[in-house]
Protein backbone atom coordinates (compact mmCIF):
# COMPACT_ATOMS: atom_id res chain seq x y z
CA MET A 1 -0.03 0.04 -0.01
CA ARG A 2 1.40 3.37 -1.02
CA ARG A 3 1.93 5.71 1.97
CA PHE A 4 1.75 9.44 1.62
CA PRO A 5 4.12 11.60 3.59
CA LEU A 6 2.55 13.55 6.43
CA PHE A 7 3.49 16.95 4.98
CA LEU A 8 1.41 16.18 1.80
CA ILE A 9 -1.61 15.30 3.93
CA LEU A 10 -1.16 18.59 5.87
CA ALA A 11 -0.73 20.63 2.70
CA ALA A 12 -3.99 19.28 1.32
CA ALA A 13 -5.68 20.17 4.66
CA PHE A 14 -4.39 23.69 4.33
CA ILE A 15 -5.79 24.03 0.73
CA VAL A 16 -9.31 23.09 1.99
CA SER A 17 -9.08 25.44 5.06
CA GLY A 18 -7.41 28.25 3.20
CA LEU A 19 -10.15 28.50 0.74
CA GLY A 20 -12.90 28.54 3.44
CA THR A 21 -13.41 30.69 6.43
CA PHE A 22 -12.57 30.18 10.10
CA GLU A 23 -15.18 32.48 11.51
CA ALA A 24 -18.31 31.20 13.07
CA ARG A 25 -21.42 32.24 11.16
CA ALA A 26 -24.16 33.87 13.16
CA GLY A 27 -27.79 33.18 12.24
CA SER A 28 -29.19 35.00 9.23
CA LEU A 29 -31.72 37.73 9.80
CA PRO A 30 -35.08 36.59 8.13
CA SER A 31 -36.70 38.73 5.38
CA THR A 32 -39.42 39.64 7.91
CA GLY A 33 -36.85 40.73 10.50
CA TYR A 34 -36.89 40.81 14.22
CA THR A 35 -38.01 43.36 16.68
CA LEU A 36 -35.20 45.38 18.29
CA ALA A 37 -36.32 43.84 21.62
CA GLN A 38 -35.61 40.34 20.31
CA ILE A 39 -32.20 41.36 19.09
CA LEU A 40 -31.26 43.01 22.44
CA SER A 41 -32.44 39.96 24.34
CA GLY A 42 -30.46 37.57 21.94
CA SER A 43 -33.60 35.61 21.13
CA PRO A 44 -33.53 33.80 18.83
CA PHE A 45 -30.01 34.84 18.31
CA SER A 46 -27.61 37.63 18.30
CA PRO A 47 -25.34 38.62 16.48
CA PHE A 48 -27.07 38.07 13.05
CA THR A 49 -26.02 38.20 9.51
CA VAL A 50 -27.42 39.87 6.41
CA ASP A 51 -26.63 38.11 3.16
CA GLY A 52 -26.07 40.53 0.31
CA THR A 53 -24.38 38.02 -2.10
CA SER A 54 -27.48 37.92 -4.32
CA ASN A 55 -26.05 41.20 -5.80
CA PRO A 56 -22.71 41.10 -7.62
CA GLY A 57 -20.06 42.53 -5.20
CA GLY A 58 -22.38 42.14 -2.17
CA GLU A 59 -21.20 40.44 1.00
CA VAL A 60 -22.43 38.78 4.12
CA LEU A 61 -22.24 41.33 7.02
CA THR A 62 -22.60 40.62 10.67
CA PHE A 63 -24.49 42.93 13.03
CA SER A 64 -23.94 42.80 16.78
CA ASP A 65 -23.65 44.67 20.12
CA PHE A 66 -26.95 46.60 19.78
CA ASN A 67 -28.13 49.22 22.32
CA TYR A 68 -31.13 51.55 22.37
CA THR A 69 -32.22 54.46 24.39
CA HIS A 70 -35.42 56.53 24.09
CA PRO A 71 -36.86 59.50 26.07
CA GLY A 72 -38.68 58.19 29.08
CA VAL A 73 -42.08 56.68 28.25
CA ALA A 74 -42.01 57.93 24.69
CA HIS A 75 -42.67 55.52 21.85
CA PRO A 76 -41.40 53.52 20.09
CA THR A 77 -40.14 51.01 22.63
CA SER A 78 -37.65 48.40 21.44
CA GLY A 79 -40.52 45.91 20.97
CA GLU A 80 -42.21 48.45 18.50
CA ILE A 81 -39.07 48.82 16.29
CA GLN A 82 -38.63 46.21 13.44
CA VAL A 83 -35.19 45.51 12.08
CA ILE A 84 -35.33 44.27 8.58
CA PRO A 85 -32.53 43.13 6.16
CA PHE A 86 -32.08 44.71 2.66
CA THR A 87 -29.70 44.54 -0.25
CA LEU A 88 -29.31 46.90 -3.18
CA ALA A 89 -27.68 46.19 -6.54
CA GLY A 90 -24.63 48.37 -7.33
CA PRO A 91 -22.24 49.51 -8.12
CA PRO A 92 -21.44 49.48 -5.42
CA ALA A 93 -23.70 46.74 -4.01
CA GLU A 94 -25.14 47.75 -0.53
CA THR A 95 -26.00 45.47 2.32
CA GLY A 96 -27.70 46.77 5.35
CA ILE A 97 -30.69 46.97 7.81
CA THR A 98 -33.88 49.08 7.98
CA PHE A 99 -35.39 50.22 11.26
CA THR A 100 -39.16 50.78 11.10
CA GLY A 101 -41.04 52.44 14.02
CA GLY A 102 -42.86 55.61 14.93
CA PHE A 103 -40.03 57.88 16.12
CA ALA A 104 -42.04 61.05 16.85
CA ALA A 105 -42.25 64.39 18.65
CA SER A 106 -45.68 66.04 19.03
CA ALA A 107 -46.10 69.77 18.54
CA MET A 108 -44.04 71.99 20.73
CA THR A 109 -42.04 69.01 22.23
CA THR A 110 -38.68 67.29 21.40
CA SER A 111 -37.65 63.67 21.35
CA ASP A 112 -34.14 62.11 21.26
CA TYR A 113 -33.41 58.49 20.48
CA SER A 114 -30.13 56.57 20.20
CA ILE A 115 -29.33 53.30 18.48
CA PHE A 116 -25.86 51.68 18.70
CA TYR A 117 -24.53 48.65 16.91
CA THR A 118 -21.47 47.09 15.30
CA VAL A 119 -21.21 45.92 11.73
CA THR A 120 -18.40 43.56 10.63
CA ALA A 121 -17.33 42.40 7.22
CA PRO A 122 -16.16 38.73 6.63
CA VAL A 123 -12.52 37.87 6.54
CA GLY A 124 -10.91 39.11 3.39
CA GLU A 125 -13.31 42.09 3.15
CA LYS A 126 -13.20 45.65 4.21
CA ILE A 127 -16.21 48.04 4.56
CA ASN A 128 -15.39 51.27 2.69
CA ASP A 129 -18.80 53.03 2.17
CA ALA A 130 -21.87 53.76 4.19
CA PHE A 131 -25.24 55.52 3.43
CA LEU A 132 -28.09 56.79 5.67
CA SER A 133 -31.54 57.70 4.58
CA PHE A 134 -34.95 58.07 6.19
CA THR A 135 -38.70 58.47 5.56
CA GLY A 136 -40.49 61.14 7.66
CA GLY A 137 -41.85 64.68 7.71
CA ASN A 138 -43.24 67.65 9.65
CA SER A 139 -46.70 67.75 8.16
CA GLY A 140 -45.84 71.06 6.51
CA GLY A 141 -45.16 72.74 9.92
CA THR A 142 -41.96 74.04 11.48
CA GLY A 143 -40.77 70.75 12.93
CA THR A 144 -37.27 69.61 12.22
CA ILE A 145 -35.49 66.13 12.06
CA SER A 146 -31.90 65.46 12.57
CA ILE A 147 -30.31 62.01 12.31
CA VAL A 148 -26.62 62.13 13.09
CA GLU A 149 -24.48 58.93 12.87
CA HIS A 150 -20.88 58.78 14.17
CA LEU A 151 -18.78 55.89 12.80
CA SER A 152 -15.75 54.74 14.55
CA ASN A 153 -13.32 51.82 14.67
CA PRO A 154 -14.55 49.57 17.50
CA VAL A 155 -10.96 48.17 18.16
CA THR A 156 -9.03 51.52 18.22
CA GLY A 157 -11.88 53.95 18.98
CA ALA A 158 -10.55 56.05 16.03
CA SER A 159 -13.20 58.15 14.27
CA ILE A 160 -14.11 57.05 10.73
CA GLY A 161 -16.55 59.78 9.82
CA THR A 162 -20.05 61.24 10.30
CA LEU A 163 -23.34 60.89 8.39
CA GLU A 164 -26.18 63.35 8.85
CA ALA A 165 -29.69 63.47 7.26
CA GLY A 166 -32.58 65.63 8.20
CA ILE A 167 -35.29 68.16 7.65
CA PRO A 168 -34.08 70.64 6.67
CA GLY A 169 -30.82 69.14 5.34
CA VAL A 170 -29.69 66.37 3.10
CA ASN A 171 -31.46 62.97 2.66
CA PRO A 172 -29.81 60.54 2.01
CA ASP A 173 -26.21 61.09 3.03
CA THR A 174 -23.21 58.92 2.00
CA ILE A 175 -19.58 58.63 3.10
CA SER A 176 -16.55 56.81 1.70
CA PHE A 177 -13.48 55.90 3.74
CA ALA A 178 -10.36 53.71 3.97
CA GLY A 179 -11.47 49.98 4.32
CA VAL A 180 -12.02 48.74 7.83
CA GLN A 181 -13.07 45.29 9.11
CA SER A 182 -15.61 46.63 11.66
CA ILE A 183 -17.57 49.79 12.37
CA ARG A 184 -19.26 50.92 15.50
CA VAL A 185 -22.30 52.96 14.56
CA GLU A 186 -23.74 55.57 17.04
CA LYS A 187 -26.92 56.84 15.68
CA ASP A 188 -28.76 59.81 17.29
CA ILE A 189 -32.36 60.67 16.14
CA PHE A 190 -33.50 64.05 17.27
CA LEU A 191 -36.94 65.43 16.56
CA ASN A 192 -38.29 68.91 17.25
CA GLY A 193 -42.13 68.87 16.89
CA GLY A 194 -42.43 72.57 15.99
CA SER A 195 -45.92 73.74 15.13
CA LEU A 196 -47.44 70.39 13.84
CA GLY A 197 -45.15 67.69 15.05
CA ALA A 198 -42.43 65.59 13.37
CA ASN A 199 -41.97 61.93 12.73
CA VAL A 200 -39.58 59.33 11.25
CA THR A 201 -41.08 56.04 10.17
CA VAL A 202 -38.19 54.26 8.38
CA ILE A 203 -34.37 54.54 8.63
CA ASP A 204 -32.24 52.76 6.08
CA GLN A 205 -28.51 52.03 6.82
CA GLY A 206 -26.39 50.39 4.13
CA PHE A 207 -22.71 49.41 3.57
CA SER A 208 -20.51 48.31 0.73
CA SER A 209 -17.18 46.63 0.86
CA THR A 210 -14.21 45.61 -1.22
CA THR A 211 -12.12 42.42 -1.34
CA ILE A 212 -8.62 42.80 0.26
CA PRO A 213 -6.55 39.62 0.56
CA GLU A 214 -5.65 38.93 4.08
CA PRO A 215 -1.93 38.02 4.75
CA ALA A 216 -2.92 34.86 6.61
CA SER A 217 -5.17 33.73 3.75
CA MET A 218 -2.42 34.36 1.17
CA ALA A 219 0.00 32.42 3.30
CA LEU A 220 -2.37 29.49 3.48
CA LEU A 221 -2.95 29.54 -0.22
CA GLY A 222 0.79 29.63 -0.83
CA ILE A 223 1.35 26.63 1.38
CA GLY A 224 -1.50 24.85 -0.37
CA LEU A 225 -0.09 25.52 -3.87
CA SER A 226 3.36 24.57 -2.73
CA GLY A 227 1.89 21.20 -1.49
CA LEU A 228 0.12 20.60 -4.87
CA PHE A 229 3.40 21.06 -6.77
CA THR A 230 5.29 18.81 -4.37
CA LEU A 231 2.54 16.17 -4.59
CA ARG A 232 2.77 16.29 -8.38
CA ARG A 233 6.64 15.66 -8.25
CA PHE A 234 6.00 12.88 -5.70
CA PHE A 235 3.67 11.01 -8.09
CA LYS A 236 5.99 11.50 -11.00
CA ARG A 237 8.90 9.92 -9.03
CA THR A 238 6.77 6.95 -7.83
CA SER A 239 5.36 6.28 -11.32
CA VAL A 240 8.84 6.19 -12.84
CA ALA A 241 10.07 3.81 -10.05
């Protein structure tokens, strides 16, 4: 019986593992979404993924570490906010989440909400673009809406940039930046009801990414290819013998 050297077996194993991914996959967010309360409680699971690979250039992004604050007894509560996945064809392809809920301030009042979370690209990908948009209004009155989003590196704490959409103001807003593996999102939703009230019913948050070979992945691929060439020479020698 022909015996194969141990290093050839290890090389083949490196080929398989190098072409895959070592990271554990979180559960996928269903098309109907979850309430923010479910996500905060980890039921049925958290973190979760949004699969954007149906669009060329889209990726699977992981969302985690959510937090939500709202002004006292004002609605919506976390159980009244739905988090729904979405993907948009590019270029660039966008993968993200939509928050739906009745963020509001009645006439002559103000309301301030905050949503925090982390978004992470898969190994070998870097997030390099983000956009923010919303659906809402002031019923023709003097109310104002301001959604300000601070993006930072969750590992170093370094600022990545800021998105801002509102009435009056821009909607949507976009930003491009040097690619990063993860982003910490701090979203502040401030409404001034003015004369007739103000409301936000939908907030869309999307991200796009690019492929950047990781040094470790390239090393594994190199080991695998080297093993293939060595295996080929081994078979040539044994066939001649």
